[in-house]
N, C-alpha and C. Protein backbone atom coordinates (compact mmCIF):
# COMPACT_ATOMS: atom_id res chain seq x y z
N UNK A 1 134.12 228.80 198.11
CA UNK A 1 135.21 228.46 197.22
C UNK A 1 136.49 229.02 197.82
N UNK A 2 137.52 228.19 197.91
CA UNK A 2 138.79 228.67 198.44
C UNK A 2 139.78 228.94 197.30
N UNK A 3 140.95 229.46 197.65
CA UNK A 3 141.95 229.82 196.63
C UNK A 3 142.43 228.62 195.85
N UNK A 4 142.57 227.48 196.51
CA UNK A 4 143.09 226.28 195.84
C UNK A 4 142.12 225.80 194.77
N UNK A 5 140.83 225.75 195.09
CA UNK A 5 139.86 225.30 194.08
C UNK A 5 139.71 226.33 192.96
N UNK A 6 139.80 227.62 193.28
CA UNK A 6 139.74 228.66 192.25
C UNK A 6 140.94 228.56 191.32
N UNK A 7 142.13 228.35 191.87
CA UNK A 7 143.34 228.21 191.07
C UNK A 7 143.24 226.97 190.18
N UNK A 8 142.77 225.86 190.75
CA UNK A 8 142.62 224.63 189.96
C UNK A 8 141.63 224.80 188.82
N UNK A 9 140.52 225.45 189.09
CA UNK A 9 139.51 225.69 188.05
C UNK A 9 140.06 226.59 186.96
N UNK A 10 140.83 227.60 187.34
CA UNK A 10 141.42 228.52 186.36
C UNK A 10 142.41 227.80 185.46
N UNK A 11 143.26 226.97 186.05
CA UNK A 11 144.24 226.21 185.27
C UNK A 11 143.54 225.26 184.30
N UNK A 12 142.50 224.58 184.76
CA UNK A 12 141.75 223.68 183.88
C UNK A 12 141.07 224.44 182.75
N UNK A 13 140.52 225.59 183.05
CA UNK A 13 139.86 226.39 182.01
C UNK A 13 140.85 226.87 180.96
N UNK A 14 142.01 227.31 181.39
CA UNK A 14 143.04 227.75 180.43
C UNK A 14 143.52 226.59 179.59
N UNK A 15 143.73 225.44 180.21
CA UNK A 15 144.16 224.26 179.45
C UNK A 15 143.11 223.85 178.43
N UNK A 16 141.86 223.91 178.82
CA UNK A 16 140.78 223.56 177.88
C UNK A 16 140.73 224.55 176.73
N UNK A 17 140.92 225.84 177.01
CA UNK A 17 140.88 226.84 175.95
C UNK A 17 142.05 226.68 174.98
N UNK A 18 143.21 226.33 175.50
CA UNK A 18 144.37 226.14 174.63
C UNK A 18 144.21 224.91 173.74
N UNK A 19 143.56 223.88 174.24
CA UNK A 19 143.39 222.64 173.48
C UNK A 19 142.13 222.68 172.62
N UNK A 20 141.16 223.49 172.93
CA UNK A 20 139.86 223.51 172.25
C UNK A 20 139.96 223.68 170.74
N UNK A 21 140.67 224.69 170.22
CA UNK A 21 140.70 224.87 168.77
C UNK A 21 141.30 223.68 168.04
N UNK A 22 142.33 223.04 168.61
CA UNK A 22 142.92 221.88 167.95
C UNK A 22 141.96 220.71 167.90
N UNK A 23 141.19 220.51 168.98
CA UNK A 23 140.25 219.38 168.96
C UNK A 23 139.12 219.62 167.97
N UNK A 24 138.68 220.86 167.82
CA UNK A 24 137.65 221.16 166.83
C UNK A 24 138.20 220.93 165.43
N UNK A 25 139.42 221.37 165.18
CA UNK A 25 140.03 221.17 163.87
C UNK A 25 140.20 219.69 163.54
N UNK A 26 140.59 218.89 164.52
CA UNK A 26 140.74 217.45 164.29
C UNK A 26 139.40 216.80 163.99
N UNK A 27 138.36 217.22 164.70
CA UNK A 27 137.03 216.64 164.47
C UNK A 27 136.52 217.00 163.08
N UNK A 28 136.76 218.23 162.65
CA UNK A 28 136.31 218.63 161.32
C UNK A 28 137.12 217.95 160.23
N UNK A 29 138.41 217.72 160.49
CA UNK A 29 139.26 217.05 159.50
C UNK A 29 138.82 215.60 159.30
N UNK A 30 138.32 214.95 160.35
CA UNK A 30 137.90 213.55 160.28
C UNK A 30 136.42 213.41 159.95
N UNK A 31 135.82 214.44 159.36
CA UNK A 31 134.38 214.44 159.13
C UNK A 31 133.92 213.27 158.27
N UNK A 32 134.74 212.79 157.35
CA UNK A 32 134.34 211.69 156.49
C UNK A 32 134.80 210.34 157.02
N UNK A 33 135.26 210.28 158.24
CA UNK A 33 135.82 209.07 158.83
C UNK A 33 134.81 208.35 159.74
N UNK A 34 133.52 208.46 159.45
CA UNK A 34 132.50 207.85 160.29
C UNK A 34 132.35 206.38 159.95
N UNK A 35 132.22 205.53 160.99
CA UNK A 35 132.07 204.09 160.81
C UNK A 35 130.84 203.61 161.56
N UNK A 36 130.17 202.61 161.03
CA UNK A 36 128.96 202.09 161.67
C UNK A 36 129.28 201.18 162.85
N UNK A 37 130.53 200.76 162.96
CA UNK A 37 130.94 199.88 164.06
C UNK A 37 132.40 200.08 164.38
N UNK A 38 132.82 199.48 165.49
CA UNK A 38 134.18 199.60 165.97
C UNK A 38 134.74 198.20 166.21
N UNK A 39 135.94 197.95 165.73
CA UNK A 39 136.60 196.68 165.99
C UNK A 39 138.04 196.93 166.36
N UNK A 40 138.45 196.38 167.49
CA UNK A 40 139.84 196.52 167.90
C UNK A 40 140.74 195.53 167.17
N UNK A 41 140.16 194.43 166.66
CA UNK A 41 140.94 193.39 165.98
C UNK A 41 140.32 193.08 164.63
N UNK A 42 140.93 193.51 163.56
CA UNK A 42 140.48 193.15 162.23
C UNK A 42 139.26 193.91 161.74
N UNK A 43 138.63 193.33 160.71
CA UNK A 43 137.49 193.97 160.07
C UNK A 43 136.18 193.59 160.75
N UNK A 44 135.17 194.39 160.49
CA UNK A 44 133.84 194.11 161.01
C UNK A 44 133.17 193.02 160.17
N UNK A 45 132.41 192.17 160.80
CA UNK A 45 131.71 191.09 160.10
C UNK A 45 130.48 191.60 159.39
N UNK A 46 129.73 192.51 160.00
CA UNK A 46 128.45 192.96 159.48
C UNK A 46 128.59 194.29 158.74
N UNK A 47 127.94 194.43 157.58
CA UNK A 47 128.04 195.67 156.82
C UNK A 47 127.15 196.77 157.43
N UNK A 48 127.35 197.98 156.96
CA UNK A 48 126.50 199.09 157.40
C UNK A 48 125.06 198.82 157.00
N UNK A 49 124.12 199.11 157.88
CA UNK A 49 122.71 198.94 157.59
C UNK A 49 122.18 197.53 157.79
N UNK A 50 122.96 196.63 158.41
CA UNK A 50 122.44 195.28 158.62
C UNK A 50 121.25 195.32 159.58
N UNK A 51 120.34 194.37 159.43
CA UNK A 51 119.09 194.42 160.21
C UNK A 51 119.15 193.61 161.50
N UNK A 52 119.94 192.53 161.51
CA UNK A 52 120.05 191.73 162.73
C UNK A 52 121.33 190.88 162.66
N UNK A 53 121.79 190.46 163.82
CA UNK A 53 122.95 189.58 163.88
C UNK A 53 122.58 188.20 163.35
N UNK A 54 123.56 187.46 162.86
CA UNK A 54 123.31 186.12 162.30
C UNK A 54 122.69 185.16 163.31
N UNK A 55 123.03 185.30 164.57
CA UNK A 55 122.56 184.38 165.59
C UNK A 55 121.17 184.75 166.15
N UNK A 56 120.57 185.81 165.63
CA UNK A 56 119.26 186.27 166.11
C UNK A 56 118.17 185.77 165.16
N UNK A 57 117.08 185.25 165.71
CA UNK A 57 115.94 184.84 164.92
C UNK A 57 115.06 186.07 164.70
N UNK A 58 115.10 186.62 163.49
CA UNK A 58 114.34 187.84 163.20
C UNK A 58 112.84 187.59 163.21
N UNK A 59 112.42 186.32 163.05
CA UNK A 59 111.00 185.99 163.03
C UNK A 59 110.49 185.53 164.39
N UNK A 60 111.27 185.70 165.42
CA UNK A 60 110.85 185.27 166.76
C UNK A 60 109.65 186.09 167.21
N UNK A 61 108.76 185.50 168.03
CA UNK A 61 107.60 186.25 168.53
C UNK A 61 108.05 187.46 169.34
N UNK A 62 107.33 188.55 169.21
CA UNK A 62 107.65 189.78 169.92
C UNK A 62 106.58 190.04 170.97
N UNK A 63 106.97 190.76 172.02
CA UNK A 63 106.02 191.11 173.07
C UNK A 63 106.11 190.15 174.23
N UNK A 64 105.21 190.31 175.19
CA UNK A 64 105.20 189.45 176.35
C UNK A 64 105.79 190.13 177.56
N UNK A 65 105.99 189.35 178.59
CA UNK A 65 106.52 189.85 179.85
C UNK A 65 107.71 189.01 180.27
N UNK A 66 108.74 189.66 180.74
CA UNK A 66 109.90 188.97 181.28
C UNK A 66 109.98 189.28 182.77
N UNK A 67 110.13 188.25 183.57
CA UNK A 67 110.26 188.45 185.01
C UNK A 67 111.56 187.83 185.47
N UNK A 68 112.22 188.52 186.39
CA UNK A 68 113.46 188.01 186.96
C UNK A 68 113.34 187.99 188.47
N UNK A 69 113.92 186.99 189.06
CA UNK A 69 113.95 186.90 190.52
C UNK A 69 115.37 187.14 191.00
N UNK A 70 115.49 187.83 192.10
CA UNK A 70 116.81 188.08 192.68
C UNK A 70 116.67 188.12 194.19
N UNK A 71 117.67 187.61 194.86
CA UNK A 71 117.66 187.67 196.32
C UNK A 71 118.59 188.78 196.78
N UNK A 72 118.34 189.31 197.93
CA UNK A 72 119.17 190.38 198.46
C UNK A 72 118.45 191.70 198.42
N UNK A 73 119.19 192.75 198.69
CA UNK A 73 118.60 194.09 198.73
C UNK A 73 119.38 195.02 197.82
N UNK A 74 118.83 196.19 197.59
CA UNK A 74 119.52 197.22 196.82
C UNK A 74 119.12 198.58 197.38
N UNK A 75 119.95 199.57 197.10
CA UNK A 75 119.61 200.93 197.51
C UNK A 75 120.00 201.95 196.45
N UNK A 76 120.18 201.48 195.23
CA UNK A 76 120.63 202.39 194.20
C UNK A 76 120.21 201.91 192.82
N UNK A 77 119.71 202.81 191.97
CA UNK A 77 119.42 202.52 190.57
C UNK A 77 120.43 203.18 189.65
N UNK A 78 121.38 203.92 190.17
CA UNK A 78 122.32 204.69 189.37
C UNK A 78 123.57 203.88 189.06
N UNK A 79 123.70 203.45 187.79
CA UNK A 79 124.85 202.65 187.39
C UNK A 79 126.16 203.42 187.36
N UNK A 80 126.10 204.74 187.34
CA UNK A 80 127.32 205.54 187.30
C UNK A 80 128.10 205.42 188.60
N UNK A 81 127.41 205.29 189.71
CA UNK A 81 128.08 205.19 191.00
C UNK A 81 128.06 203.75 191.52
N UNK A 82 128.09 202.80 190.63
CA UNK A 82 127.91 201.39 190.97
C UNK A 82 128.84 200.90 192.06
N UNK A 83 130.11 201.15 191.94
CA UNK A 83 131.06 200.60 192.91
C UNK A 83 131.49 201.64 193.94
N UNK A 84 130.81 202.78 193.94
CA UNK A 84 131.16 203.85 194.86
C UNK A 84 130.18 203.95 196.01
N UNK A 85 128.90 203.85 195.69
CA UNK A 85 127.89 204.06 196.72
C UNK A 85 126.76 203.05 196.58
N UNK A 86 126.53 202.30 197.59
CA UNK A 86 125.37 201.43 197.64
C UNK A 86 125.47 200.18 196.79
N UNK A 87 124.40 199.42 196.82
CA UNK A 87 124.29 198.19 196.04
C UNK A 87 123.26 198.41 194.94
N UNK A 88 123.64 198.09 193.72
CA UNK A 88 122.73 198.26 192.59
C UNK A 88 121.67 197.18 192.59
N UNK A 89 120.52 197.52 192.04
CA UNK A 89 119.44 196.55 191.86
C UNK A 89 119.87 195.52 190.83
N UNK A 90 119.51 194.28 191.04
CA UNK A 90 119.84 193.21 190.09
C UNK A 90 119.17 193.47 188.76
N UNK A 91 119.90 193.33 187.66
CA UNK A 91 119.35 193.50 186.33
C UNK A 91 119.20 194.94 185.88
N UNK A 92 119.79 195.88 186.61
CA UNK A 92 119.65 197.29 186.26
C UNK A 92 120.25 197.59 184.89
N UNK A 93 121.23 196.79 184.48
CA UNK A 93 121.86 197.01 183.18
C UNK A 93 120.95 196.62 182.01
N UNK A 94 119.82 196.01 182.27
CA UNK A 94 118.90 195.61 181.21
C UNK A 94 117.89 196.68 180.82
N UNK A 95 117.82 197.78 181.56
CA UNK A 95 116.78 198.77 181.29
C UNK A 95 117.29 199.99 180.52
N UNK A 96 118.58 200.10 180.31
CA UNK A 96 119.14 201.25 179.60
C UNK A 96 119.79 200.80 178.30
N UNK A 97 119.60 201.57 177.24
CA UNK A 97 120.29 201.31 175.97
C UNK A 97 121.68 201.91 176.05
N UNK A 98 122.58 201.40 175.24
CA UNK A 98 123.96 201.89 175.20
C UNK A 98 124.26 202.50 173.83
N UNK A 99 125.36 203.23 173.73
CA UNK A 99 125.75 203.80 172.45
C UNK A 99 126.07 202.71 171.44
N UNK A 100 126.80 201.69 171.88
CA UNK A 100 127.18 200.57 171.02
C UNK A 100 126.70 199.27 171.64
N UNK A 101 126.48 198.27 170.81
CA UNK A 101 126.13 196.95 171.30
C UNK A 101 127.18 195.96 170.79
N UNK A 102 127.61 195.05 171.64
CA UNK A 102 128.62 194.07 171.26
C UNK A 102 127.99 192.95 170.44
N UNK A 103 128.77 192.44 169.52
CA UNK A 103 128.36 191.28 168.75
C UNK A 103 128.87 190.05 169.48
N UNK A 104 128.00 189.06 169.66
CA UNK A 104 128.39 187.86 170.40
C UNK A 104 129.20 186.87 169.56
N UNK A 105 129.26 187.10 168.26
CA UNK A 105 130.05 186.20 167.42
C UNK A 105 131.32 186.85 166.88
N UNK A 106 131.73 187.96 167.50
CA UNK A 106 132.99 188.62 167.16
C UNK A 106 133.68 189.05 168.45
N UNK A 107 134.98 189.18 168.38
CA UNK A 107 135.76 189.59 169.55
C UNK A 107 135.99 191.10 169.49
N UNK A 108 135.71 191.77 170.56
CA UNK A 108 136.02 193.19 170.72
C UNK A 108 135.44 194.06 169.60
N UNK A 109 134.17 193.88 169.31
CA UNK A 109 133.50 194.73 168.33
C UNK A 109 132.26 195.35 168.93
N UNK A 110 131.89 196.48 168.41
CA UNK A 110 130.66 197.13 168.82
C UNK A 110 130.01 197.79 167.62
N UNK A 111 128.71 197.66 167.53
CA UNK A 111 127.94 198.26 166.45
C UNK A 111 127.00 199.29 167.06
N UNK A 112 126.71 200.35 166.30
CA UNK A 112 125.90 201.44 166.80
C UNK A 112 124.51 201.01 167.20
N UNK A 113 124.10 201.38 168.40
CA UNK A 113 122.73 201.16 168.87
C UNK A 113 122.06 202.53 168.99
N UNK A 114 122.39 203.28 170.02
CA UNK A 114 121.94 204.68 170.08
C UNK A 114 122.80 205.55 169.18
N UNK A 115 124.06 205.15 169.00
CA UNK A 115 124.95 205.88 168.11
C UNK A 115 124.78 205.35 166.69
N UNK A 116 124.62 206.26 165.76
CA UNK A 116 124.52 205.86 164.36
C UNK A 116 125.89 205.53 163.79
N UNK A 117 126.90 206.29 164.23
CA UNK A 117 128.25 206.10 163.72
C UNK A 117 129.24 206.61 164.75
N UNK A 118 130.49 206.18 164.58
CA UNK A 118 131.58 206.61 165.46
C UNK A 118 132.75 207.03 164.59
N UNK A 119 133.46 208.03 165.04
CA UNK A 119 134.66 208.50 164.36
C UNK A 119 135.80 208.52 165.36
N UNK A 120 136.94 207.95 164.97
CA UNK A 120 138.07 207.87 165.88
C UNK A 120 139.36 207.77 165.09
N UNK A 121 140.49 208.21 165.69
CA UNK A 121 141.78 208.09 165.01
C UNK A 121 142.29 206.65 165.06
N UNK A 122 143.34 206.37 164.32
CA UNK A 122 143.88 205.02 164.22
C UNK A 122 144.38 204.48 165.56
N UNK A 123 144.80 205.37 166.46
CA UNK A 123 145.32 204.90 167.76
C UNK A 123 144.25 204.77 168.83
N UNK A 124 142.97 204.97 168.47
CA UNK A 124 141.84 204.86 169.39
C UNK A 124 141.98 205.78 170.61
N UNK A 125 142.64 206.92 170.44
CA UNK A 125 142.86 207.81 171.58
C UNK A 125 141.62 208.61 171.96
N UNK A 126 140.66 208.73 171.06
CA UNK A 126 139.42 209.44 171.36
C UNK A 126 138.34 208.90 170.42
N UNK A 127 137.10 209.24 170.74
CA UNK A 127 136.00 208.83 169.89
C UNK A 127 134.91 209.90 169.92
N UNK A 128 134.26 210.09 168.78
CA UNK A 128 133.13 211.00 168.66
C UNK A 128 131.97 210.19 168.12
N UNK A 129 130.82 210.30 168.76
CA UNK A 129 129.63 209.55 168.34
C UNK A 129 128.63 210.48 167.66
N UNK A 130 128.01 209.99 166.60
CA UNK A 130 126.89 210.68 165.98
C UNK A 130 125.64 209.90 166.37
N UNK A 131 124.73 210.55 167.10
CA UNK A 131 123.54 209.87 167.60
C UNK A 131 122.55 209.58 166.48
N UNK A 132 121.86 208.47 166.62
CA UNK A 132 120.88 208.04 165.64
C UNK A 132 119.67 208.97 165.69
N UNK A 133 119.16 209.30 164.55
CA UNK A 133 117.97 210.14 164.45
C UNK A 133 116.74 209.34 164.85
N UNK A 134 115.78 209.98 165.47
CA UNK A 134 114.57 209.26 165.85
C UNK A 134 113.62 209.11 164.67
N UNK A 135 113.91 209.75 163.54
CA UNK A 135 113.04 209.64 162.38
C UNK A 135 113.29 208.36 161.58
N UNK A 136 114.46 207.77 161.74
CA UNK A 136 114.75 206.55 160.98
C UNK A 136 115.36 205.49 161.88
N UNK A 137 115.43 204.31 161.39
CA UNK A 137 116.13 203.24 162.08
C UNK A 137 115.42 202.73 163.31
N UNK A 138 116.20 202.14 164.19
CA UNK A 138 115.70 201.45 165.36
C UNK A 138 114.85 202.34 166.26
N UNK A 139 115.26 203.58 166.47
CA UNK A 139 114.55 204.44 167.40
C UNK A 139 113.13 204.73 166.91
N UNK A 140 112.95 204.84 165.60
CA UNK A 140 111.61 205.08 165.07
C UNK A 140 110.74 203.84 165.25
N UNK A 141 111.31 202.65 165.08
CA UNK A 141 110.54 201.42 165.26
C UNK A 141 110.10 201.25 166.71
N UNK A 142 110.94 201.67 167.64
CA UNK A 142 110.58 201.54 169.05
C UNK A 142 109.63 202.66 169.46
N UNK A 143 109.58 203.71 168.67
CA UNK A 143 108.73 204.89 168.92
C UNK A 143 108.80 205.36 170.37
N UNK A 144 110.02 205.50 170.85
CA UNK A 144 110.26 206.03 172.19
C UNK A 144 111.02 207.33 172.06
N UNK A 145 110.88 208.14 173.05
CA UNK A 145 111.65 209.36 173.09
C UNK A 145 113.01 209.08 173.72
N UNK A 146 114.07 209.48 173.06
CA UNK A 146 115.41 209.27 173.57
C UNK A 146 115.86 210.54 174.28
N UNK A 147 116.23 210.42 175.55
CA UNK A 147 116.71 211.60 176.29
C UNK A 147 118.08 211.32 176.83
């Protein structure tokens, strides 16, 4: 470690400590501001606790195998470094769940998938997610461990 990196780390630590109490206070003040979905334009179409989107057939057969074909090569499964290092495997985005899922019949909306709810200020400058419990909801039906 050289002096420049030590100085940079110290400045960042002090800045974080000075801002930390205010961010905790803001989060506690917005404790009742949790929403089941996020919309950048207008109101949400689906109410809290909805079971499926209107365009989804809830009675569709479940199970089976899906196979995809892709040409080319890959050397990376890590979506975080997608455009930095290597070529991602085709369809890698289909194996991971996300915090929110987009609705295909609304513009710029997201509903909680792994996240049960989201809390954010009116200017969308930050967001806090409350993760879904594995005892209820979708995660219990899938009976998978979420890590």
